[in-house]
Amino acid sequence: MQKIRKGDKVVVLTGKDKGRTGEVIQVMPKEDRAVVRGVNMVKRHQRQTQTAEAGIINKEASIHLSNLAVADTDGKPTRVGFKVVEGKKVRVAKRSGDVIDG
């Protein structure tokens, strides 16, 4: 079971976007990376296709999982632990002890 999943609210711990929060759009477990909405924006040159126009577009680049932390209920970063509740393994926020719904 992964500590950071698609749909989680996360806080960026280091880098140019330190302190910013966003929602995880995609997780790449083999590369230990995730794409977060509105974080680590880069400019890409795009060739014209039938559906998309040519030009320079802004898009999110992936960020390493070690630079992300799940946002607790108050929006501050927290570590993630695991606990068995009613026969199911669930993620738990270490800071508040709340179960992280996912």
Protein backbone atom coordinates (compact mmCIF):
# COMPACT_ATOMS: atom_id res chain seq x y z
CA MET A 1 0.00 0.00 0.00
CA GLN A 2 1.34 3.42 -0.98
CA LYS A 3 1.58 6.35 1.39
CA ILE A 4 0.70 8.94 -1.28
CA ARG A 5 -2.14 8.12 -3.66
CA LYS A 6 -4.01 9.76 -6.52
CA GLY A 7 -6.50 12.31 -5.19
CA ASP A 8 -4.56 13.13 -1.99
CA LYS A 9 -3.99 16.73 -0.93
CA VAL A 10 -0.22 17.13 -0.55
CA VAL A 11 2.25 19.82 0.57
CA VAL A 12 5.58 20.38 -1.21
CA LEU A 13 8.44 20.21 1.32
CA THR A 14 11.42 21.36 -0.77
CA GLY A 15 12.28 22.96 -4.09
CA LYS A 16 11.02 25.98 -6.00
CA ASP A 17 7.39 25.28 -4.99
CA LYS A 18 8.08 24.78 -1.27
CA GLY A 19 4.98 25.27 0.86
CA ARG A 20 2.50 25.02 -2.04
CA THR A 21 -0.35 22.54 -1.86
CA GLY A 22 -2.17 20.65 -4.56
CA GLU A 23 -4.00 17.48 -5.50
CA VAL A 24 -2.12 14.43 -6.78
CA ILE A 25 -3.15 13.79 -10.40
CA GLN A 26 -0.93 10.78 -11.10
CA VAL A 27 1.48 8.57 -9.14
CA MET A 28 4.35 6.68 -10.78
CA PRO A 29 5.44 4.11 -8.16
CA LYS A 30 8.26 2.58 -10.23
CA GLU A 31 9.96 5.99 -10.55
CA ASP A 32 8.90 7.16 -7.02
CA ARG A 33 7.36 10.29 -8.56
CA ALA A 34 3.99 12.04 -8.64
CA VAL A 35 2.31 14.78 -10.68
CA VAL A 36 0.60 17.44 -8.55
CA ARG A 37 -1.95 19.90 -9.95
CA GLY A 38 -0.47 23.42 -10.21
CA VAL A 39 2.96 22.46 -8.84
CA ASN A 40 6.31 22.22 -10.70
CA MET A 41 4.97 23.93 -13.83
CA VAL A 42 7.23 23.77 -16.90
CA LYS A 43 6.94 25.20 -20.41
CA ARG A 44 6.82 22.73 -23.29
CA HIS A 45 6.90 23.33 -27.03
CA GLN A 46 4.04 21.51 -28.70
CA ARG A 47 3.79 20.54 -32.36
CA GLN A 48 0.46 21.11 -34.07
CA THR A 49 -1.85 18.10 -34.27
CA GLN A 50 -5.45 17.62 -35.41
CA THR A 51 -6.72 18.26 -31.89
CA ALA A 52 -4.12 20.62 -30.39
CA GLU A 53 -2.68 23.86 -31.66
CA ALA A 54 1.05 24.53 -31.91
CA GLY A 55 2.77 26.74 -29.34
CA ILE A 56 4.32 26.85 -25.91
CA ILE A 57 2.14 25.30 -23.22
CA ASN A 58 2.43 25.14 -19.42
CA LYS A 59 2.07 21.73 -17.84
CA GLU A 60 2.91 19.97 -14.59
CA ALA A 61 6.14 17.98 -14.38
CA SER A 62 6.56 15.10 -11.95
CA ILE A 63 8.05 15.65 -8.51
CA HIS A 64 9.82 13.09 -6.32
CA LEU A 65 7.70 11.53 -3.57
CA SER A 66 10.33 12.37 -0.94
CA ASN A 67 9.59 16.08 -1.57
CA LEU A 68 5.87 15.64 -0.83
CA ALA A 69 3.91 15.11 2.37
CA VAL A 70 0.20 14.42 2.82
CA ALA A 71 -1.68 17.49 4.10
CA ASP A 72 -3.38 16.97 7.46
CA THR A 73 -6.88 18.27 8.24
CA ASP A 74 -5.44 21.71 9.11
CA GLY A 75 -3.37 21.82 5.88
CA LYS A 76 0.02 21.21 7.50
CA PRO A 77 2.25 18.33 6.37
CA THR A 78 2.05 15.01 8.19
CA ARG A 79 3.70 11.63 7.96
CA VAL A 80 1.64 8.57 7.12
CA GLY A 81 1.35 5.36 9.10
CA PHE A 82 -0.78 2.24 8.76
CA LYS A 83 -3.29 0.69 11.13
CA VAL A 84 -5.75 -2.18 10.92
CA VAL A 85 -9.30 -0.93 11.54
CA GLU A 86 -12.24 -3.38 11.37
CA GLY A 87 -10.10 -5.92 9.50
CA LYS A 88 -8.95 -3.40 6.87
CA LYS A 89 -5.51 -1.81 6.57
CA VAL A 90 -5.92 1.99 6.48
CA ARG A 91 -3.62 4.99 6.28
CA VAL A 92 -3.36 7.13 9.41
CA ALA A 93 -1.98 10.68 9.80
CA LYS A 94 0.80 10.63 12.40
CA ARG A 95 0.19 14.28 13.36
CA SER A 96 -3.49 14.06 14.28
CA GLY A 97 -4.15 10.31 14.35
CA ASP A 98 -7.03 10.68 11.87
CA VAL A 99 -7.72 8.04 9.22
CA ILE A 100 -6.86 9.33 5.72
CA ASP A 101 -9.76 8.52 3.43
CA GLY A 102 -8.75 7.32 0.03
